[in-house]
N, C-alpha and C. Protein backbone atom coordinates (compact mmCIF):
# COMPACT_ATOMS: atom_id res chain seq x y z
N UNK A 1 13.65 -6.54 8.82
CA UNK A 1 14.75 -7.28 8.25
C UNK A 1 15.16 -8.45 9.16
N UNK A 2 15.13 -8.22 10.46
CA UNK A 2 15.55 -9.24 11.41
C UNK A 2 14.66 -10.47 11.41
N UNK A 3 13.44 -10.33 10.93
CA UNK A 3 12.51 -11.46 10.92
C UNK A 3 12.54 -12.26 9.62
N UNK A 4 13.34 -11.81 8.66
CA UNK A 4 13.42 -12.52 7.39
C UNK A 4 14.22 -13.81 7.54
N UNK A 5 13.95 -14.77 6.66
CA UNK A 5 14.72 -16.01 6.64
C UNK A 5 16.13 -15.71 6.13
N UNK A 6 17.05 -16.65 6.33
CA UNK A 6 18.42 -16.48 5.86
C UNK A 6 18.45 -16.22 4.35
N UNK A 7 17.66 -16.99 3.60
CA UNK A 7 17.61 -16.82 2.15
C UNK A 7 17.13 -15.45 1.74
N UNK A 8 16.09 -14.95 2.41
CA UNK A 8 15.57 -13.62 2.09
C UNK A 8 16.54 -12.52 2.51
N UNK A 9 17.21 -12.70 3.64
CA UNK A 9 18.24 -11.74 4.04
C UNK A 9 19.34 -11.69 2.99
N UNK A 10 19.72 -12.87 2.48
CA UNK A 10 20.76 -12.95 1.47
C UNK A 10 20.32 -12.22 0.20
N UNK A 11 19.05 -12.40 -0.20
CA UNK A 11 18.54 -11.71 -1.40
C UNK A 11 18.61 -10.20 -1.23
N UNK A 12 18.22 -9.71 -0.07
CA UNK A 12 18.28 -8.26 0.20
C UNK A 12 19.73 -7.78 0.13
N UNK A 13 20.64 -8.53 0.73
CA UNK A 13 22.06 -8.14 0.73
C UNK A 13 22.62 -8.10 -0.70
N UNK A 14 22.23 -9.07 -1.52
CA UNK A 14 22.70 -9.10 -2.91
C UNK A 14 22.14 -7.90 -3.67
N UNK A 15 20.85 -7.62 -3.49
CA UNK A 15 20.24 -6.47 -4.15
C UNK A 15 20.93 -5.17 -3.72
N UNK A 16 21.21 -5.05 -2.42
CA UNK A 16 21.91 -3.86 -1.93
C UNK A 16 23.29 -3.71 -2.56
N UNK A 17 23.97 -4.83 -2.72
CA UNK A 17 25.33 -4.77 -3.26
C UNK A 17 25.34 -4.38 -4.74
N UNK A 18 24.26 -4.65 -5.45
CA UNK A 18 24.21 -4.40 -6.89
C UNK A 18 23.55 -3.07 -7.27
N UNK A 19 22.86 -2.45 -6.34
CA UNK A 19 22.00 -1.32 -6.66
C UNK A 19 22.74 -0.12 -7.29
N UNK A 20 23.99 0.10 -6.91
CA UNK A 20 24.73 1.25 -7.45
C UNK A 20 25.71 0.87 -8.57
N UNK A 21 25.48 -0.28 -9.19
CA UNK A 21 26.32 -0.75 -10.30
C UNK A 21 27.82 -0.68 -9.96
N UNK A 22 28.24 -1.39 -8.94
CA UNK A 22 29.65 -1.31 -8.54
C UNK A 22 30.58 -1.98 -9.56
N UNK A 23 31.80 -1.51 -9.60
CA UNK A 23 32.83 -2.11 -10.46
C UNK A 23 33.51 -3.28 -9.76
N UNK A 24 33.34 -3.36 -8.44
CA UNK A 24 33.95 -4.42 -7.64
C UNK A 24 32.91 -5.00 -6.70
N UNK A 25 32.75 -6.33 -6.75
CA UNK A 25 31.87 -7.04 -5.82
C UNK A 25 32.72 -8.00 -5.00
N UNK A 26 32.54 -7.97 -3.70
CA UNK A 26 33.22 -8.93 -2.83
C UNK A 26 32.14 -9.73 -2.12
N UNK A 27 32.10 -11.02 -2.41
CA UNK A 27 31.03 -11.89 -1.93
C UNK A 27 31.59 -13.04 -1.10
N UNK A 28 31.04 -13.24 0.08
CA UNK A 28 31.47 -14.33 0.96
C UNK A 28 30.34 -15.34 1.04
N UNK A 29 30.57 -16.54 0.48
CA UNK A 29 29.57 -17.62 0.47
C UNK A 29 28.20 -17.08 0.01
N UNK A 30 28.15 -16.49 -1.18
CA UNK A 30 26.91 -15.82 -1.60
C UNK A 30 25.70 -16.73 -1.80
N UNK A 31 25.92 -18.02 -2.04
CA UNK A 31 24.77 -18.90 -2.28
C UNK A 31 24.26 -19.57 -1.00
N UNK A 32 24.97 -19.38 0.09
CA UNK A 32 24.54 -19.97 1.36
C UNK A 32 23.14 -19.47 1.71
N UNK A 33 22.22 -20.39 1.89
CA UNK A 33 20.84 -20.02 2.25
C UNK A 33 19.92 -19.79 1.07
N UNK A 34 20.46 -19.84 -0.16
CA UNK A 34 19.62 -19.63 -1.34
C UNK A 34 19.16 -20.97 -1.91
N UNK A 35 17.92 -21.01 -2.36
CA UNK A 35 17.43 -22.22 -3.01
C UNK A 35 18.06 -22.33 -4.40
N UNK A 36 18.00 -23.51 -5.02
CA UNK A 36 18.68 -23.71 -6.32
C UNK A 36 18.24 -22.72 -7.40
N UNK A 37 16.98 -22.32 -7.43
CA UNK A 37 16.52 -21.36 -8.43
C UNK A 37 17.18 -20.00 -8.22
N UNK A 38 17.26 -19.56 -6.97
CA UNK A 38 17.90 -18.28 -6.67
C UNK A 38 19.41 -18.35 -6.90
N UNK A 39 20.02 -19.51 -6.63
CA UNK A 39 21.44 -19.67 -6.92
C UNK A 39 21.70 -19.48 -8.40
N UNK A 40 20.86 -20.08 -9.23
CA UNK A 40 21.02 -19.94 -10.68
C UNK A 40 20.87 -18.48 -11.11
N UNK A 41 19.89 -17.79 -10.54
CA UNK A 41 19.71 -16.37 -10.87
C UNK A 41 20.93 -15.56 -10.46
N UNK A 42 21.48 -15.87 -9.27
CA UNK A 42 22.67 -15.16 -8.81
C UNK A 42 23.84 -15.45 -9.74
N UNK A 43 24.03 -16.70 -10.15
CA UNK A 43 25.12 -17.04 -11.07
C UNK A 43 24.99 -16.23 -12.36
N UNK A 44 23.77 -16.14 -12.89
CA UNK A 44 23.56 -15.36 -14.12
C UNK A 44 23.91 -13.90 -13.91
N UNK A 45 23.54 -13.34 -12.77
CA UNK A 45 23.88 -11.95 -12.45
C UNK A 45 25.39 -11.76 -12.38
N UNK A 46 26.07 -12.69 -11.71
CA UNK A 46 27.52 -12.58 -11.56
C UNK A 46 28.22 -12.72 -12.91
N UNK A 47 27.72 -13.59 -13.77
CA UNK A 47 28.29 -13.73 -15.12
C UNK A 47 28.08 -12.43 -15.90
N UNK A 48 26.90 -11.82 -15.78
CA UNK A 48 26.65 -10.54 -16.44
C UNK A 48 27.61 -9.47 -15.95
N UNK A 49 27.84 -9.43 -14.64
CA UNK A 49 28.76 -8.45 -14.07
C UNK A 49 30.17 -8.67 -14.62
N UNK A 50 30.57 -9.91 -14.69
CA UNK A 50 31.89 -10.27 -15.22
C UNK A 50 32.01 -9.84 -16.69
N UNK A 51 30.95 -10.09 -17.47
CA UNK A 51 30.95 -9.72 -18.89
C UNK A 51 30.98 -8.21 -19.09
N UNK A 52 30.49 -7.45 -18.12
CA UNK A 52 30.55 -5.98 -18.18
C UNK A 52 31.95 -5.47 -17.88
N UNK A 53 32.82 -6.38 -17.44
CA UNK A 53 34.19 -5.97 -17.10
C UNK A 53 34.36 -5.67 -15.62
N UNK A 54 33.35 -5.95 -14.83
CA UNK A 54 33.45 -5.72 -13.39
C UNK A 54 34.20 -6.87 -12.73
N UNK A 55 34.78 -6.60 -11.58
CA UNK A 55 35.55 -7.59 -10.85
C UNK A 55 34.68 -8.19 -9.76
N UNK A 56 34.68 -9.52 -9.68
CA UNK A 56 33.92 -10.23 -8.65
C UNK A 56 34.90 -11.09 -7.86
N UNK A 57 35.04 -10.77 -6.56
CA UNK A 57 35.78 -11.63 -5.64
C UNK A 57 34.76 -12.51 -4.95
N UNK A 58 34.98 -13.81 -5.01
CA UNK A 58 34.03 -14.77 -4.48
C UNK A 58 34.75 -15.70 -3.52
N UNK A 59 34.29 -15.75 -2.30
CA UNK A 59 34.81 -16.70 -1.33
C UNK A 59 33.76 -17.79 -1.17
N UNK A 60 34.18 -19.03 -1.44
CA UNK A 60 33.20 -20.12 -1.38
C UNK A 60 33.91 -21.44 -1.13
N UNK A 61 33.23 -22.31 -0.39
CA UNK A 61 33.71 -23.67 -0.21
C UNK A 61 33.11 -24.60 -1.26
N UNK A 62 32.18 -24.09 -2.05
CA UNK A 62 31.54 -24.87 -3.11
C UNK A 62 32.41 -24.75 -4.36
N UNK A 63 33.28 -25.75 -4.58
CA UNK A 63 34.25 -25.64 -5.66
C UNK A 63 33.65 -25.81 -7.05
N UNK A 64 32.52 -26.48 -7.16
CA UNK A 64 31.84 -26.56 -8.45
C UNK A 64 31.36 -25.17 -8.84
N UNK A 65 30.81 -24.46 -7.87
CA UNK A 65 30.37 -23.08 -8.06
C UNK A 65 31.56 -22.21 -8.49
N UNK A 66 32.67 -22.35 -7.82
CA UNK A 66 33.88 -21.59 -8.13
C UNK A 66 34.34 -21.90 -9.55
N UNK A 67 34.38 -23.18 -9.91
CA UNK A 67 34.83 -23.58 -11.23
C UNK A 67 33.94 -22.99 -12.32
N UNK A 68 32.65 -22.89 -12.07
CA UNK A 68 31.73 -22.39 -13.08
C UNK A 68 31.74 -20.87 -13.20
N UNK A 69 32.18 -20.16 -12.17
CA UNK A 69 32.07 -18.70 -12.17
C UNK A 69 33.40 -17.96 -12.26
N UNK A 70 34.47 -18.58 -11.82
CA UNK A 70 35.72 -17.83 -11.63
C UNK A 70 36.75 -18.09 -12.73
N UNK A 71 37.63 -17.10 -12.91
CA UNK A 71 38.75 -17.23 -13.83
C UNK A 71 39.98 -17.75 -13.11
N UNK A 72 40.14 -17.32 -11.85
CA UNK A 72 41.29 -17.72 -11.04
C UNK A 72 40.81 -18.08 -9.65
N UNK A 73 41.55 -19.01 -9.02
CA UNK A 73 41.24 -19.43 -7.66
C UNK A 73 42.50 -19.26 -6.82
N UNK A 74 42.36 -18.65 -5.68
CA UNK A 74 43.45 -18.55 -4.72
C UNK A 74 43.23 -19.58 -3.63
N UNK A 75 44.25 -20.37 -3.35
CA UNK A 75 44.20 -21.33 -2.25
C UNK A 75 44.80 -20.61 -1.06
N UNK A 76 44.03 -20.51 0.01
CA UNK A 76 44.44 -19.75 1.18
C UNK A 76 44.59 -20.68 2.38
N UNK A 77 45.70 -20.53 3.09
CA UNK A 77 45.92 -21.27 4.32
C UNK A 77 46.41 -20.29 5.37
N UNK A 78 45.74 -20.32 6.50
CA UNK A 78 46.10 -19.45 7.62
C UNK A 78 46.26 -18.00 7.19
N UNK A 79 45.33 -17.54 6.35
CA UNK A 79 45.31 -16.15 5.93
C UNK A 79 46.32 -15.77 4.86
N UNK A 80 47.05 -16.74 4.32
CA UNK A 80 48.05 -16.46 3.29
C UNK A 80 47.71 -17.22 2.01
N UNK A 81 47.92 -16.57 0.87
CA UNK A 81 47.73 -17.23 -0.42
C UNK A 81 48.91 -18.16 -0.64
N UNK A 82 48.61 -19.46 -0.79
CA UNK A 82 49.68 -20.44 -1.01
C UNK A 82 49.74 -20.91 -2.46
N UNK A 83 48.70 -20.62 -3.25
CA UNK A 83 48.73 -20.97 -4.66
C UNK A 83 47.63 -20.20 -5.38
N UNK A 84 47.84 -19.98 -6.67
CA UNK A 84 46.83 -19.37 -7.53
C UNK A 84 46.66 -20.31 -8.72
N UNK A 85 45.41 -20.71 -8.97
CA UNK A 85 45.11 -21.66 -10.04
C UNK A 85 44.30 -20.93 -11.11
N UNK A 86 44.78 -20.97 -12.35
CA UNK A 86 44.04 -20.43 -13.50
C UNK A 86 43.05 -21.50 -13.93
N UNK A 87 41.77 -21.20 -13.89
CA UNK A 87 40.73 -22.20 -14.16
C UNK A 87 40.86 -22.78 -15.57
N UNK A 88 41.00 -21.95 -16.60
CA UNK A 88 41.08 -22.47 -17.97
C UNK A 88 42.29 -23.37 -18.13
N UNK A 89 43.43 -22.96 -17.57
CA UNK A 89 44.64 -23.78 -17.66
C UNK A 89 44.44 -25.09 -16.90
N UNK A 90 43.81 -25.02 -15.75
CA UNK A 90 43.63 -26.23 -14.94
C UNK A 90 42.70 -27.21 -15.64
N UNK A 91 41.75 -26.71 -16.42
CA UNK A 91 40.83 -27.61 -17.13
C UNK A 91 41.57 -28.49 -18.12
N UNK A 92 42.61 -27.94 -18.75
CA UNK A 92 43.37 -28.74 -19.71
C UNK A 92 44.28 -29.73 -18.98
N UNK A 93 44.58 -29.45 -17.71
CA UNK A 93 45.45 -30.32 -16.93
C UNK A 93 44.68 -31.37 -16.13
N UNK A 94 43.36 -31.25 -16.11
CA UNK A 94 42.56 -32.19 -15.34
C UNK A 94 42.63 -33.58 -15.98
N UNK A 95 42.65 -34.55 -15.14
CA UNK A 95 42.72 -35.94 -15.58
C UNK A 95 41.32 -36.51 -15.69
N UNK A 96 41.23 -37.80 -15.96
CA UNK A 96 39.94 -38.47 -16.02
C UNK A 96 39.62 -39.08 -14.66
N UNK A 97 38.36 -39.00 -14.30
CA UNK A 97 37.87 -39.66 -13.09
C UNK A 97 37.01 -40.82 -13.58
N UNK A 98 37.41 -42.02 -13.22
CA UNK A 98 36.75 -43.23 -13.71
C UNK A 98 36.07 -43.93 -12.55
N UNK A 99 34.81 -44.26 -12.74
CA UNK A 99 34.07 -45.06 -11.76
C UNK A 99 33.61 -46.31 -12.50
N UNK A 100 33.96 -47.47 -11.94
CA UNK A 100 33.54 -48.70 -12.59
C UNK A 100 33.22 -49.77 -11.56
N UNK A 101 32.36 -50.67 -11.99
CA UNK A 101 31.98 -51.82 -11.17
C UNK A 101 32.16 -53.05 -12.03
N UNK A 102 32.86 -54.05 -11.45
CA UNK A 102 33.10 -55.28 -12.17
C UNK A 102 33.48 -56.37 -11.18
N UNK A 103 32.90 -57.53 -11.38
CA UNK A 103 33.29 -58.67 -10.53
C UNK A 103 34.59 -59.29 -11.04
N UNK A 104 35.02 -58.94 -12.26
CA UNK A 104 36.26 -59.47 -12.85
C UNK A 104 37.50 -58.69 -12.43
N UNK A 105 37.33 -57.46 -12.03
CA UNK A 105 38.47 -56.59 -11.78
C UNK A 105 38.88 -56.64 -10.30
N UNK A 106 40.18 -56.76 -10.08
CA UNK A 106 40.72 -56.84 -8.72
C UNK A 106 41.40 -55.53 -8.35
N UNK A 107 41.74 -55.39 -7.08
CA UNK A 107 42.45 -54.21 -6.60
C UNK A 107 43.76 -54.01 -7.38
N UNK A 108 44.47 -55.10 -7.65
CA UNK A 108 45.75 -55.00 -8.37
C UNK A 108 45.57 -54.45 -9.77
N UNK A 109 44.52 -54.86 -10.44
CA UNK A 109 44.25 -54.36 -11.80
C UNK A 109 43.98 -52.86 -11.74
N UNK A 110 43.15 -52.45 -10.79
CA UNK A 110 42.84 -51.02 -10.66
C UNK A 110 44.09 -50.23 -10.30
N UNK A 111 44.91 -50.76 -9.41
CA UNK A 111 46.16 -50.08 -9.04
C UNK A 111 47.07 -49.91 -10.26
N UNK A 112 47.12 -50.92 -11.13
CA UNK A 112 47.94 -50.81 -12.34
C UNK A 112 47.37 -49.81 -13.34
N UNK A 113 46.06 -49.68 -13.38
CA UNK A 113 45.40 -48.74 -14.31
C UNK A 113 45.48 -47.30 -13.83
N UNK A 114 45.39 -47.10 -12.55
CA UNK A 114 45.12 -45.77 -12.03
C UNK A 114 46.36 -45.02 -11.57
N UNK A 115 46.21 -43.70 -11.53
CA UNK A 115 47.21 -42.85 -10.89
C UNK A 115 46.96 -42.88 -9.39
N UNK A 116 45.67 -42.97 -9.04
CA UNK A 116 45.28 -42.93 -7.63
C UNK A 116 43.86 -43.45 -7.47
N UNK A 117 43.65 -44.32 -6.51
CA UNK A 117 42.29 -44.79 -6.22
C UNK A 117 41.67 -43.81 -5.23
N UNK A 118 40.54 -43.24 -5.63
CA UNK A 118 39.85 -42.28 -4.77
C UNK A 118 38.91 -42.97 -3.80
N UNK A 119 38.27 -44.06 -4.26
CA UNK A 119 37.28 -44.73 -3.42
C UNK A 119 37.10 -46.17 -3.89
N UNK A 120 36.83 -47.02 -2.93
CA UNK A 120 36.51 -48.41 -3.24
C UNK A 120 35.40 -48.84 -2.30
N UNK A 121 34.34 -49.37 -2.89
CA UNK A 121 33.21 -49.86 -2.11
C UNK A 121 32.80 -51.19 -2.73
N UNK A 122 33.29 -52.28 -2.15
CA UNK A 122 33.04 -53.59 -2.74
C UNK A 122 33.74 -53.70 -4.07
N UNK A 123 32.97 -53.91 -5.14
CA UNK A 123 33.54 -54.00 -6.48
C UNK A 123 33.37 -52.69 -7.27
N UNK A 124 32.99 -51.63 -6.57
CA UNK A 124 32.85 -50.32 -7.20
C UNK A 124 34.10 -49.49 -6.88
N UNK A 125 34.82 -49.11 -7.93
CA UNK A 125 36.05 -48.35 -7.79
C UNK A 125 35.87 -46.96 -8.42
N UNK A 126 36.49 -45.97 -7.80
CA UNK A 126 36.62 -44.66 -8.41
C UNK A 126 38.10 -44.31 -8.36
N UNK A 127 38.64 -43.97 -9.53
CA UNK A 127 40.07 -43.68 -9.58
C UNK A 127 40.38 -42.61 -10.62
N UNK A 128 41.59 -42.07 -10.51
CA UNK A 128 42.08 -41.05 -11.44
C UNK A 128 42.94 -41.74 -12.50
N UNK A 129 42.71 -41.37 -13.75
CA UNK A 129 43.42 -41.96 -14.88
C UNK A 129 43.97 -40.83 -15.74
N UNK A 130 45.26 -40.87 -16.05
CA UNK A 130 45.85 -39.75 -16.79
C UNK A 130 46.35 -40.10 -18.19
N UNK A 131 46.28 -41.36 -18.56
CA UNK A 131 46.78 -41.74 -19.88
C UNK A 131 45.69 -41.55 -20.93
N UNK A 132 45.97 -42.00 -22.13
CA UNK A 132 45.05 -41.90 -23.25
C UNK A 132 43.80 -42.73 -22.98
N UNK A 133 42.65 -42.15 -23.23
CA UNK A 133 41.38 -42.84 -22.96
C UNK A 133 41.24 -44.11 -23.81
N UNK A 134 41.81 -44.11 -25.02
CA UNK A 134 41.75 -45.31 -25.86
C UNK A 134 42.43 -46.49 -25.17
N UNK A 135 43.55 -46.22 -24.51
CA UNK A 135 44.27 -47.28 -23.78
C UNK A 135 43.40 -47.85 -22.67
N UNK A 136 42.69 -46.98 -21.98
CA UNK A 136 41.81 -47.43 -20.90
C UNK A 136 40.69 -48.32 -21.45
N UNK A 137 40.06 -47.87 -22.52
CA UNK A 137 38.95 -48.63 -23.11
C UNK A 137 39.44 -50.00 -23.59
N UNK A 138 40.61 -50.04 -24.23
CA UNK A 138 41.16 -51.32 -24.70
C UNK A 138 41.44 -52.25 -23.52
N UNK A 139 41.98 -51.72 -22.45
CA UNK A 139 42.27 -52.54 -21.27
C UNK A 139 40.98 -53.05 -20.64
N UNK A 140 39.99 -52.18 -20.50
CA UNK A 140 38.73 -52.57 -19.87
C UNK A 140 37.94 -53.57 -20.72
N UNK A 141 38.20 -53.59 -22.03
CA UNK A 141 37.50 -54.52 -22.92
C UNK A 141 37.82 -55.98 -22.58
N UNK A 142 38.87 -56.19 -21.81
CA UNK A 142 39.26 -57.55 -21.41
C UNK A 142 38.43 -58.07 -20.23
N UNK A 143 37.59 -57.24 -19.68
CA UNK A 143 36.83 -57.62 -18.47
C UNK A 143 35.34 -57.38 -18.68
N UNK A 144 34.54 -58.08 -17.90
CA UNK A 144 33.10 -57.83 -17.88
C UNK A 144 32.87 -56.64 -16.96
N UNK A 145 32.34 -55.57 -17.52
CA UNK A 145 32.11 -54.35 -16.77
C UNK A 145 30.60 -54.21 -16.53
N UNK A 146 30.22 -54.03 -15.27
CA UNK A 146 28.80 -53.86 -14.94
C UNK A 146 28.37 -52.40 -15.06
N UNK A 147 29.23 -51.51 -14.62
CA UNK A 147 28.96 -50.07 -14.69
C UNK A 147 30.25 -49.36 -15.05
N UNK A 148 30.12 -48.27 -15.83
CA UNK A 148 31.31 -47.49 -16.18
C UNK A 148 30.91 -46.03 -16.38
N UNK A 149 31.61 -45.16 -15.70
CA UNK A 149 31.42 -43.71 -15.86
C UNK A 149 32.81 -43.11 -16.00
N UNK A 150 33.05 -42.42 -17.11
CA UNK A 150 34.32 -41.73 -17.33
C UNK A 150 33.98 -40.25 -17.49
N UNK A 151 34.58 -39.43 -16.64
CA UNK A 151 34.32 -38.00 -16.68
C UNK A 151 35.60 -37.23 -16.41
N UNK A 152 35.60 -35.97 -16.78
CA UNK A 152 36.74 -35.12 -16.47
C UNK A 152 36.74 -34.87 -14.97
N UNK A 153 37.91 -34.90 -14.40
CA UNK A 153 38.08 -34.52 -13.01
C UNK A 153 37.59 -33.07 -12.88
N UNK A 154 36.93 -32.74 -11.78
CA UNK A 154 36.50 -31.35 -11.60
C UNK A 154 37.44 -30.64 -10.64
N UNK A 155 37.21 -29.37 -10.43
CA UNK A 155 38.09 -28.57 -9.57
C UNK A 155 38.14 -29.11 -8.15
N UNK A 156 37.03 -29.62 -7.67
CA UNK A 156 37.00 -30.17 -6.32
C UNK A 156 37.92 -31.39 -6.21
N UNK A 157 37.85 -32.28 -7.21
CA UNK A 157 38.73 -33.45 -7.23
C UNK A 157 40.19 -33.00 -7.27
N UNK A 158 40.48 -32.05 -8.16
CA UNK A 158 41.85 -31.57 -8.30
C UNK A 158 42.33 -30.91 -7.01
N UNK A 159 41.46 -30.13 -6.38
CA UNK A 159 41.83 -29.47 -5.13
C UNK A 159 42.11 -30.49 -4.04
N UNK A 160 41.27 -31.50 -3.94
CA UNK A 160 41.49 -32.53 -2.92
C UNK A 160 42.80 -33.28 -3.18
N UNK A 161 43.08 -33.58 -4.45
CA UNK A 161 44.36 -34.22 -4.78
C UNK A 161 45.51 -33.28 -4.45
N UNK A 162 45.35 -32.02 -4.80
CA UNK A 162 46.37 -31.02 -4.50
C UNK A 162 46.60 -30.93 -3.00
N UNK A 163 45.53 -30.87 -2.26
CA UNK A 163 45.61 -30.75 -0.81
C UNK A 163 46.30 -31.98 -0.19
N UNK A 164 45.93 -33.16 -0.66
CA UNK A 164 46.52 -34.38 -0.12
C UNK A 164 48.01 -34.49 -0.48
N UNK A 165 48.38 -34.00 -1.65
CA UNK A 165 49.79 -34.07 -2.07
C UNK A 165 50.64 -32.94 -1.50
N UNK A 166 50.01 -31.91 -0.95
CA UNK A 166 50.73 -30.75 -0.43
C UNK A 166 50.28 -30.42 0.99
N UNK A 167 50.06 -31.42 1.81
CA UNK A 167 49.52 -31.21 3.16
C UNK A 167 50.33 -30.21 3.97
N UNK A 168 51.64 -30.27 3.86
CA UNK A 168 52.44 -29.37 4.66
C UNK A 168 52.37 -27.93 4.14
N UNK A 169 52.00 -27.76 2.86
CA UNK A 169 51.91 -26.42 2.28
C UNK A 169 50.53 -25.80 2.44
N UNK A 170 49.48 -26.59 2.26
CA UNK A 170 48.12 -26.05 2.28
C UNK A 170 47.53 -26.16 3.66
């Protein structure tokens, strides 16, 4: 066992944890060291366990993984739970994340459009938008847009915004 790679050690540990059909699984960074194919297999196993009614506690810094697998997320600081986020509820509260590139658009225009600018690299902006998407499209129609990506904010974006807005709490 000591000569196995990290990924193979992880596979053995996962197999050991599942062998007796437990009702409770506690996993700490379970995908660390696993290749993408094995990560997908593990996700499918964890979803099956969840569908059987078993409880899965998952500790992970990979928030996309957490968003795809978990029902609730606990935000922990210094060993204490400081918030609990319901994933389904948070999905309805997520805003839009807009990435656009335009030589016509200035910082002031983006500041007026956005709730918060996440990143700016030359004429490429990424920002959070919370109003009606139709309003955004109508406003952007006034400018020459080179690139545009509009997507739902994900849990990682929301967590980073949460963390930045609650620094003294988290």
